Amino acid sequence: LQMTSLKPEDTAVYYCYRRQDGGVYWGQGT
């Protein structure tokens, strides 16, 4: 995820996920 022109409103914990084969998996957050 390339993020440019970042704004204070973008401040957050970002969590990635992967959906495959009927399941959902999660990253640890950054």
PDB file of all heavy atoms in Angstrom:
ATOM      1  N   LEU A   1       0.856  -1.173   0.000  1.00  0.00           N
ATOM      2  CA  LEU A   1       0.000   0.000   0.000  1.00  0.00           C
ATOM      3  C   LEU A   1       0.893   1.224   0.000  1.00  0.00           C
ATOM      4  O   LEU A   1       1.495   1.564   1.027  1.00  0.00           O
ATOM      5  CB  LEU A   1      -0.938   0.012   1.204  1.00  0.00           C
ATOM      6  CG  LEU A   1      -1.971   1.140   1.218  1.00  0.00           C
ATOM      7  CD1 LEU A   1      -2.956   0.989   0.068  1.00  0.00           C
ATOM      8  CD2 LEU A   1      -2.709   1.181   2.550  1.00  0.00           C
ATOM      9  N   GLN A   2       1.011   1.862  -1.162  1.00  0.00           N
ATOM     10  CA  GLN A   2       1.788   3.080  -1.294  1.00  0.00           C
ATOM     11  C   GLN A   2       0.899   4.260  -0.926  1.00  0.00           C
ATOM     12  O   GLN A   2      -0.118   4.500  -1.589  1.00  0.00           O
ATOM     13  CB  GLN A   2       2.313   3.234  -2.714  1.00  0.00           C
ATOM     14  CG  GLN A   2       3.135   4.495  -2.938  1.00  0.00           C
ATOM     15  CD  GLN A   2       4.451   4.471  -2.198  1.00  0.00           C
ATOM     16  OE1 GLN A   2       5.207   3.499  -2.296  1.00  0.00           O
ATOM     17  NE2 GLN A   2       4.730   5.519  -1.441  1.00  0.00           N
ATOM     18  N   MET A   3       1.275   4.970   0.117  1.00  0.00           N
ATOM     19  CA  MET A   3       0.494   6.079   0.622  1.00  0.00           C
ATOM     20  C   MET A   3       1.270   7.363   0.406  1.00  0.00           C
ATOM     21  O   MET A   3       2.401   7.498   0.882  1.00  0.00           O
ATOM     22  CB  MET A   3       0.173   5.890   2.106  1.00  0.00           C
ATOM     23  CG  MET A   3      -0.496   4.560   2.422  1.00  0.00           C
ATOM     24  SD  MET A   3      -0.979   4.408   4.165  1.00  0.00           S
ATOM     25  CE  MET A   3       0.642   4.403   4.934  1.00  0.00           C
ATOM     26  N   THR A   4       0.671   8.299  -0.311  1.00  0.00           N
ATOM     27  CA  THR A   4       1.282   9.594  -0.578  1.00  0.00           C
ATOM     28  C   THR A   4       0.344  10.696  -0.121  1.00  0.00           C
ATOM     29  O   THR A   4      -0.829  10.466   0.155  1.00  0.00           O
ATOM     30  CB  THR A   4       1.611   9.763  -2.065  1.00  0.00           C
ATOM     31  OG1 THR A   4       0.405   9.730  -2.838  1.00  0.00           O
ATOM     32  CG2 THR A   4       2.541   8.666  -2.553  1.00  0.00           C
ATOM     33  N   SER A   5       0.888  11.909  -0.062  1.00  0.00           N
ATOM     34  CA  SER A   5       0.106  13.074   0.372  1.00  0.00           C
ATOM     35  C   SER A   5      -0.639  12.785   1.667  1.00  0.00           C
ATOM     36  O   SER A   5      -1.825  13.089   1.805  1.00  0.00           O
ATOM     37  CB  SER A   5      -0.860  13.508  -0.728  1.00  0.00           C
ATOM     38  OG  SER A   5      -0.171  13.836  -1.918  1.00  0.00           O
ATOM     39  N   LEU A   6       0.068  12.216   2.614  1.00  0.00           N
ATOM     40  CA  LEU A   6      -0.568  11.773   3.848  1.00  0.00           C
ATOM     41  C   LEU A   6      -1.085  12.958   4.655  1.00  0.00           C
ATOM     42  O   LEU A   6      -0.474  14.028   4.681  1.00  0.00           O
ATOM     43  CB  LEU A   6       0.402  10.943   4.676  1.00  0.00           C
ATOM     44  CG  LEU A   6       0.571   9.506   4.182  1.00  0.00           C
ATOM     45  CD1 LEU A   6       1.838   8.888   4.734  1.00  0.00           C
ATOM     46  CD2 LEU A   6      -0.652   8.670   4.569  1.00  0.00           C
ATOM     47  N   LYS A   7      -2.205  12.721   5.292  1.00  0.00           N
ATOM     48  CA  LYS A   7      -2.884  13.718   6.102  1.00  0.00           C
ATOM     49  C   LYS A   7      -2.992  13.225   7.539  1.00  0.00           C
ATOM     50  O   LYS A   7      -2.968  12.016   7.782  1.00  0.00           O
ATOM     51  CB  LYS A   7      -4.297  13.977   5.556  1.00  0.00           C
ATOM     52  CG  LYS A   7      -4.343  14.384   4.100  1.00  0.00           C
ATOM     53  CD  LYS A   7      -5.789  14.489   3.629  1.00  0.00           C
ATOM     54  CE  LYS A   7      -5.858  14.893   2.172  1.00  0.00           C
ATOM     55  NZ  LYS A   7      -7.263  14.990   1.698  1.00  0.00           N
ATOM     56  N   PRO A   8      -3.124  14.136   8.501  1.00  0.00           N
ATOM     57  CA  PRO A   8      -3.322  13.690   9.886  1.00  0.00           C
ATOM     58  C   PRO A   8      -4.503  12.741  10.043  1.00  0.00           C
ATOM     59  O   PRO A   8      -4.455  11.854  10.912  1.00  0.00           O
ATOM     60  CB  PRO A   8      -3.549  15.002  10.640  1.00  0.00           C
ATOM     61  CG  PRO A   8      -2.791  16.013   9.849  1.00  0.00           C
ATOM     62  CD  PRO A   8      -2.962  15.593   8.412  1.00  0.00           C
ATOM     63  N   GLU A   9      -5.524  12.890   9.228  1.00  0.00           N
ATOM     64  CA  GLU A   9      -6.685  12.017   9.291  1.00  0.00           C
ATOM     65  C   GLU A   9      -6.369  10.579   8.896  1.00  0.00           C
ATOM     66  O   GLU A   9      -7.186   9.690   9.133  1.00  0.00           O
ATOM     67  CB  GLU A   9      -7.811  12.545   8.390  1.00  0.00           C
ATOM     68  CG  GLU A   9      -8.196  13.985   8.676  1.00  0.00           C
ATOM     69  CD  GLU A   9      -7.425  14.963   7.811  1.00  0.00           C
ATOM     70  OE1 GLU A   9      -6.339  15.395   8.239  1.00  0.00           O
ATOM     71  OE2 GLU A   9      -7.922  15.306   6.713  1.00  0.00           O
ATOM     72  N   ASP A  10      -5.211  10.342   8.286  1.00  0.00           N
ATOM     73  CA  ASP A  10      -4.791   8.985   7.944  1.00  0.00           C
ATOM     74  C   ASP A  10      -4.177   8.249   9.127  1.00  0.00           C
ATOM     75  O   ASP A  10      -3.887   7.052   9.014  1.00  0.00           O
ATOM     76  CB  ASP A  10      -3.788   9.005   6.792  1.00  0.00           C
ATOM     77  CG  ASP A  10      -4.382   9.566   5.512  1.00  0.00           C
ATOM     78  OD1 ASP A  10      -5.523   9.211   5.178  1.00  0.00           O
ATOM     79  OD2 ASP A  10      -3.687  10.362   4.842  1.00  0.00           O
ATOM     80  N   THR A  11      -3.956   8.937  10.226  1.00  0.00           N
ATOM     81  CA  THR A  11      -3.355   8.318  11.397  1.00  0.00           C
ATOM     82  C   THR A  11      -4.258   7.214  11.929  1.00  0.00           C
ATOM     83  O   THR A  11      -5.438   7.435  12.207  1.00  0.00           O
ATOM     84  CB  THR A  11      -3.111   9.358  12.490  1.00  0.00           C
ATOM     85  OG1 THR A  11      -2.147  10.313  12.027  1.00  0.00           O
ATOM     86  CG2 THR A  11      -2.581   8.705  13.757  1.00  0.00           C
ATOM     87  N   ALA A  12      -3.695   6.017  12.063  1.00  0.00           N
ATOM     88  CA  ALA A  12      -4.463   4.859  12.511  1.00  0.00           C
ATOM     89  C   ALA A  12      -3.535   3.665  12.612  1.00  0.00           C
ATOM     90  O   ALA A  12      -2.386   3.713  12.166  1.00  0.00           O
ATOM     91  CB  ALA A  12      -5.608   4.544  11.538  1.00  0.00           C
ATOM     92  N   VAL A  13      -4.050   2.595  13.195  1.00  0.00           N
ATOM     93  CA  VAL A  13      -3.413   1.295  13.072  1.00  0.00           C
ATOM     94  C   VAL A  13      -3.964   0.643  11.815  1.00  0.00           C
ATOM     95  O   VAL A  13      -5.181   0.542  11.639  1.00  0.00           O
ATOM     96  CB  VAL A  13      -3.660   0.403  14.296  1.00  0.00           C
ATOM     97  CG1 VAL A  13      -3.012  -0.964  14.099  1.00  0.00           C
ATOM     98  CG2 VAL A  13      -3.107   1.071  15.553  1.00  0.00           C
ATOM     99  N   TYR A  14      -3.069   0.217  10.947  1.00  0.00           N
ATOM    100  CA  TYR A  14      -3.451  -0.403   9.681  1.00  0.00           C
ATOM    101  C   TYR A  14      -3.268  -1.915   9.789  1.00  0.00           C
ATOM    102  O   TYR A  14      -2.187  -2.392  10.144  1.00  0.00           O
ATOM    103  CB  TYR A  14      -2.604   0.137   8.530  1.00  0.00           C
ATOM    104  CG  TYR A  14      -2.999   1.529   8.104  1.00  0.00           C
ATOM    105  CD1 TYR A  14      -2.789   2.619   8.938  1.00  0.00           C
ATOM    106  CD2 TYR A  14      -3.589   1.756   6.860  1.00  0.00           C
ATOM    107  CE1 TYR A  14      -3.166   3.894   8.559  1.00  0.00           C
ATOM    108  CE2 TYR A  14      -3.958   3.026   6.471  1.00  0.00           C
ATOM    109  CZ  TYR A  14      -3.749   4.096   7.318  1.00  0.00           C
ATOM    110  OH  TYR A  14      -4.114   5.362   6.930  1.00  0.00           O
ATOM    111  N   TYR A  15      -4.320  -2.651   9.480  1.00  0.00           N
ATOM    112  CA  TYR A  15      -4.318  -4.107   9.540  1.00  0.00           C
ATOM    113  C   TYR A  15      -4.518  -4.668   8.143  1.00  0.00           C
ATOM    114  O   TYR A  15      -5.484  -4.315   7.465  1.00  0.00           O
ATOM    115  CB  TYR A  15      -5.441  -4.628  10.431  1.00  0.00           C
ATOM    116  CG  TYR A  15      -5.345  -4.217  11.879  1.00  0.00           C
ATOM    117  CD1 TYR A  15      -5.953  -3.055  12.335  1.00  0.00           C
ATOM    118  CD2 TYR A  15      -4.668  -5.014  12.798  1.00  0.00           C
ATOM    119  CE1 TYR A  15      -5.875  -2.676  13.662  1.00  0.00           C
ATOM    120  CE2 TYR A  15      -4.591  -4.640  14.133  1.00  0.00           C
ATOM    121  CZ  TYR A  15      -5.196  -3.478  14.554  1.00  0.00           C
ATOM    122  OH  TYR A  15      -5.128  -3.117  15.872  1.00  0.00           O
ATOM    123  N   CYS A  16      -3.626  -5.547   7.718  1.00  0.00           N
ATOM    124  CA  CYS A  16      -3.847  -6.212   6.444  1.00  0.00           C
ATOM    125  C   CYS A  16      -4.597  -7.520   6.664  1.00  0.00           C
ATOM    126  O   CYS A  16      -4.590  -8.091   7.761  1.00  0.00           O
ATOM    127  CB  CYS A  16      -2.532  -6.459   5.691  1.00  0.00           C
ATOM    128  SG  CYS A  16      -1.495  -7.776   6.348  1.00  0.00           S
ATOM    129  N   TYR A  17      -5.261  -7.966   5.614  1.00  0.00           N
ATOM    130  CA  TYR A  17      -5.974  -9.230   5.668  1.00  0.00           C
ATOM    131  C   TYR A  17      -5.834  -9.948   4.336  1.00  0.00           C
ATOM    132  O   TYR A  17      -5.574  -9.337   3.307  1.00  0.00           O
ATOM    133  CB  TYR A  17      -7.451  -9.026   6.012  1.00  0.00           C
ATOM    134  CG  TYR A  17      -8.289  -8.528   4.849  1.00  0.00           C
ATOM    135  CD1 TYR A  17      -8.973  -9.425   4.030  1.00  0.00           C
ATOM    136  CD2 TYR A  17      -8.387  -7.173   4.571  1.00  0.00           C
ATOM    137  CE1 TYR A  17      -9.732  -8.967   2.956  1.00  0.00           C
ATOM    138  CE2 TYR A  17      -9.141  -6.725   3.506  1.00  0.00           C
ATOM    139  CZ  TYR A  17      -9.820  -7.621   2.703  1.00  0.00           C
ATOM    140  OH  TYR A  17     -10.566  -7.163   1.646  1.00  0.00           O
ATOM    141  N   ARG A  18      -6.041 -11.246   4.384  1.00  0.00           N
ATOM    142  CA  ARG A  18      -6.077 -12.072   3.191  1.00  0.00           C
ATOM    143  C   ARG A  18      -7.293 -12.987   3.264  1.00  0.00           C
ATOM    144  O   ARG A  18      -7.493 -13.668   4.265  1.00  0.00           O
ATOM    145  CB  ARG A  18      -4.814 -12.919   3.043  1.00  0.00           C
ATOM    146  CG  ARG A  18      -4.777 -13.767   1.767  1.00  0.00           C
ATOM    147  CD  ARG A  18      -3.516 -14.612   1.694  1.00  0.00           C
ATOM    148  NE  ARG A  18      -3.468 -15.453   0.513  1.00  0.00           N
ATOM    149  CZ  ARG A  18      -2.843 -15.132  -0.617  1.00  0.00           C
ATOM    150  NH1 ARG A  18      -2.198 -13.971  -0.716  1.00  0.00           N
ATOM    151  NH2 ARG A  18      -2.848 -15.973  -1.646  1.00  0.00           N
ATOM    152  N   ARG A  19      -8.079 -12.984   2.212  1.00  0.00           N
ATOM    153  CA  ARG A  19      -9.227 -13.859   2.103  1.00  0.00           C
ATOM    154  C   ARG A  19      -8.960 -14.873   1.007  1.00  0.00           C
ATOM    155  O   ARG A  19      -8.664 -14.499  -0.130  1.00  0.00           O
ATOM    156  CB  ARG A  19     -10.489 -13.051   1.795  1.00  0.00           C
ATOM    157  CG  ARG A  19     -11.774 -13.858   1.853  1.00  0.00           C
ATOM    158  CD  ARG A  19     -12.968 -13.008   1.426  1.00  0.00           C
ATOM    159  NE  ARG A  19     -13.107 -11.824   2.239  1.00  0.00           N
ATOM    160  CZ  ARG A  19     -13.761 -11.779   3.395  1.00  0.00           C
ATOM    161  NH1 ARG A  19     -14.339 -12.861   3.882  1.00  0.00           N
ATOM    162  NH2 ARG A  19     -13.831 -10.639   4.074  1.00  0.00           N
ATOM    163  N   GLN A  20      -9.047 -16.147   1.350  1.00  0.00           N
ATOM    164  CA  GLN A  20      -8.820 -17.211   0.390  1.00  0.00           C
ATOM    165  C   GLN A  20      -9.499 -18.484   0.867  1.00  0.00           C
ATOM    166  O   GLN A  20      -9.608 -18.728   2.076  1.00  0.00           O
ATOM    167  CB  GLN A  20      -7.322 -17.477   0.188  1.00  0.00           C
ATOM    168  CG  GLN A  20      -6.624 -17.983   1.444  1.00  0.00           C
ATOM    169  CD  GLN A  20      -5.249 -18.530   1.172  1.00  0.00           C
ATOM    170  OE1 GLN A  20      -4.428 -17.860   0.551  1.00  0.00           O
ATOM    171  NE2 GLN A  20      -4.999 -19.750   1.652  1.00  0.00           N
ATOM    172  N   ASP A  21      -9.945 -19.276  -0.073  1.00  0.00           N
ATOM    173  CA  ASP A  21     -10.444 -20.621   0.226  1.00  0.00           C
ATOM    174  C   ASP A  21     -11.456 -20.615   1.376  1.00  0.00           C
ATOM    175  O   ASP A  21     -11.477 -21.530   2.197  1.00  0.00           O
ATOM    176  CB  ASP A  21      -9.270 -21.544   0.561  1.00  0.00           C
ATOM    177  CG  ASP A  21      -9.659 -23.012   0.533  1.00  0.00           C
ATOM    178  OD1 ASP A  21     -10.523 -23.384  -0.287  1.00  0.00           O
ATOM    179  OD2 ASP A  21      -9.106 -23.796   1.336  1.00  0.00           O
ATOM    180  N   GLY A  22     -12.287 -19.593   1.432  1.00  0.00           N
ATOM    181  CA  GLY A  22     -13.307 -19.511   2.459  1.00  0.00           C
ATOM    182  C   GLY A  22     -12.830 -19.062   3.827  1.00  0.00           C
ATOM    183  O   GLY A  22     -13.627 -19.036   4.778  1.00  0.00           O
ATOM    184  N   GLY A  23     -11.565 -18.711   3.965  1.00  0.00           N
ATOM    185  CA  GLY A  23     -11.022 -18.261   5.220  1.00  0.00           C
ATOM    186  C   GLY A  23     -10.493 -16.849   5.150  1.00  0.00           C
ATOM    187  O   GLY A  23     -10.223 -16.326   4.066  1.00  0.00           O
ATOM    188  N   VAL A  24     -10.348 -16.228   6.311  1.00  0.00           N
ATOM    189  CA  VAL A  24      -9.811 -14.877   6.419  1.00  0.00           C
ATOM    190  C   VAL A  24      -8.670 -14.895   7.425  1.00  0.00           C
ATOM    191  O   VAL A  24      -8.802 -15.456   8.520  1.00  0.00           O
ATOM    192  CB  VAL A  24     -10.875 -13.858   6.846  1.00  0.00           C
ATOM    193  CG1 VAL A  24     -10.276 -12.460   6.925  1.00  0.00           C
ATOM    194  CG2 VAL A  24     -12.044 -13.875   5.876  1.00  0.00           C
ATOM    195  N   TYR A  25      -7.560 -14.247   7.072  1.00  0.00           N
ATOM    196  CA  TYR A  25      -6.371 -14.213   7.913  1.00  0.00           C
ATOM    197  C   TYR A  25      -5.943 -12.765   8.081  1.00  0.00           C
ATOM    198  O   TYR A  25      -6.152 -11.930   7.199  1.00  0.00           O
ATOM    199  CB  TYR A  25      -5.254 -15.056   7.287  1.00  0.00           C
ATOM    200  CG  TYR A  25      -5.711 -16.459   6.997  1.00  0.00           C
ATOM    201  CD1 TYR A  25      -6.263 -16.783   5.764  1.00  0.00           C
ATOM    202  CD2 TYR A  25      -5.631 -17.454   7.968  1.00  0.00           C
ATOM    203  CE1 TYR A  25      -6.713 -18.067   5.500  1.00  0.00           C
ATOM    204  CE2 TYR A  25      -6.084 -18.733   7.715  1.00  0.00           C
ATOM    205  CZ  TYR A  25      -6.622 -19.036   6.480  1.00  0.00           C
ATOM    206  OH  TYR A  25      -7.075 -20.308   6.231  1.00  0.00           O
ATOM    207  N   TRP A  26      -5.323 -12.472   9.219  1.00  0.00           N
ATOM    208  CA  TRP A  26      -5.053 -11.092   9.607  1.00  0.00           C
ATOM    209  C   TRP A  26      -3.589 -10.869   9.943  1.00  0.00           C
ATOM    210  O   TRP A  26      -2.923 -11.730  10.528  1.00  0.00           O
ATOM    211  CB  TRP A  26      -5.892 -10.720  10.823  1.00  0.00           C
ATOM    212  CG  TRP A  26      -7.355 -10.876  10.587  1.00  0.00           C
ATOM    213  CD1 TRP A  26      -8.129 -11.955  10.904  1.00  0.00           C
ATOM    214  CD2 TRP A  26      -8.222  -9.931   9.966  1.00  0.00           C
ATOM    215  NE1 TRP A  26      -9.430 -11.736  10.526  1.00  0.00           N
ATOM    216  CE2 TRP A  26      -9.521 -10.504   9.952  1.00  0.00           C
ATOM    217  CE3 TRP A  26      -8.035  -8.652   9.436  1.00  0.00           C
ATOM    218  CZ2 TRP A  26     -10.616  -9.832   9.417  1.00  0.00           C
ATOM    219  CZ3 TRP A  26      -9.121  -7.993   8.904  1.00  0.00           C
ATOM    220  CH2 TRP A  26     -10.391  -8.584   8.900  1.00  0.00           C
ATOM    221  N   GLY A  27      -3.087  -9.700   9.581  1.00  0.00           N
ATOM    222  CA  GLY A  27      -1.785  -9.266  10.021  1.00  0.00           C
ATOM    223  C   GLY A  27      -1.834  -8.719  11.433  1.00  0.00           C
ATOM    224  O   GLY A  27      -2.902  -8.574  12.045  1.00  0.00           O
ATOM    225  N   GLN A  28      -0.655  -8.402  11.965  1.00  0.00           N
ATOM    226  CA  GLN A  28      -0.557  -7.974  13.357  1.00  0.00           C
ATOM    227  C   GLN A  28      -0.871  -6.500  13.562  1.00  0.00           C
ATOM    228  O   GLN A  28      -1.052  -6.067  14.702  1.00  0.00           O
ATOM    229  CB  GLN A  28       0.849  -8.276  13.908  1.00  0.00           C
ATOM    230  CG  GLN A  28       1.930  -7.263  13.513  1.00  0.00           C
ATOM    231  CD  GLN A  28       2.532  -7.466  12.140  1.00  0.00           C
ATOM    232  OE1 GLN A  28       2.009  -8.227  11.319  1.00  0.00           O
ATOM    233  NE2 GLN A  28       3.643  -6.791  11.875  1.00  0.00           N
ATOM    234  N   GLY A  29      -0.938  -5.743  12.479  1.00  0.00           N
ATOM    235  CA  GLY A  29      -1.187  -4.317  12.549  1.00  0.00           C
ATOM    236  C   GLY A  29       0.102  -3.514  12.589  1.00  0.00           C
ATOM    237  O   GLY A  29       1.111  -3.942  13.142  1.00  0.00           O
ATOM    238  N   THR A  30       0.061  -2.339  11.991  1.00  0.00           N
ATOM    239  CA  THR A  30       1.201  -1.438  12.024  1.00  0.00           C
ATOM    240  C   THR A  30       0.687  -0.008  12.188  1.00  0.00           C
ATOM    241  O   THR A  30      -0.302   0.391  11.570  1.00  0.00           O
ATOM    242  CB  THR A  30       2.071  -1.580  10.757  1.00  0.00           C
ATOM    243  OG1 THR A  30       3.256  -0.784  10.887  1.00  0.00           O
ATOM    244  CG2 THR A  30       1.315  -1.168   9.503  1.00  0.00           C
TER     245      THR A  30
END
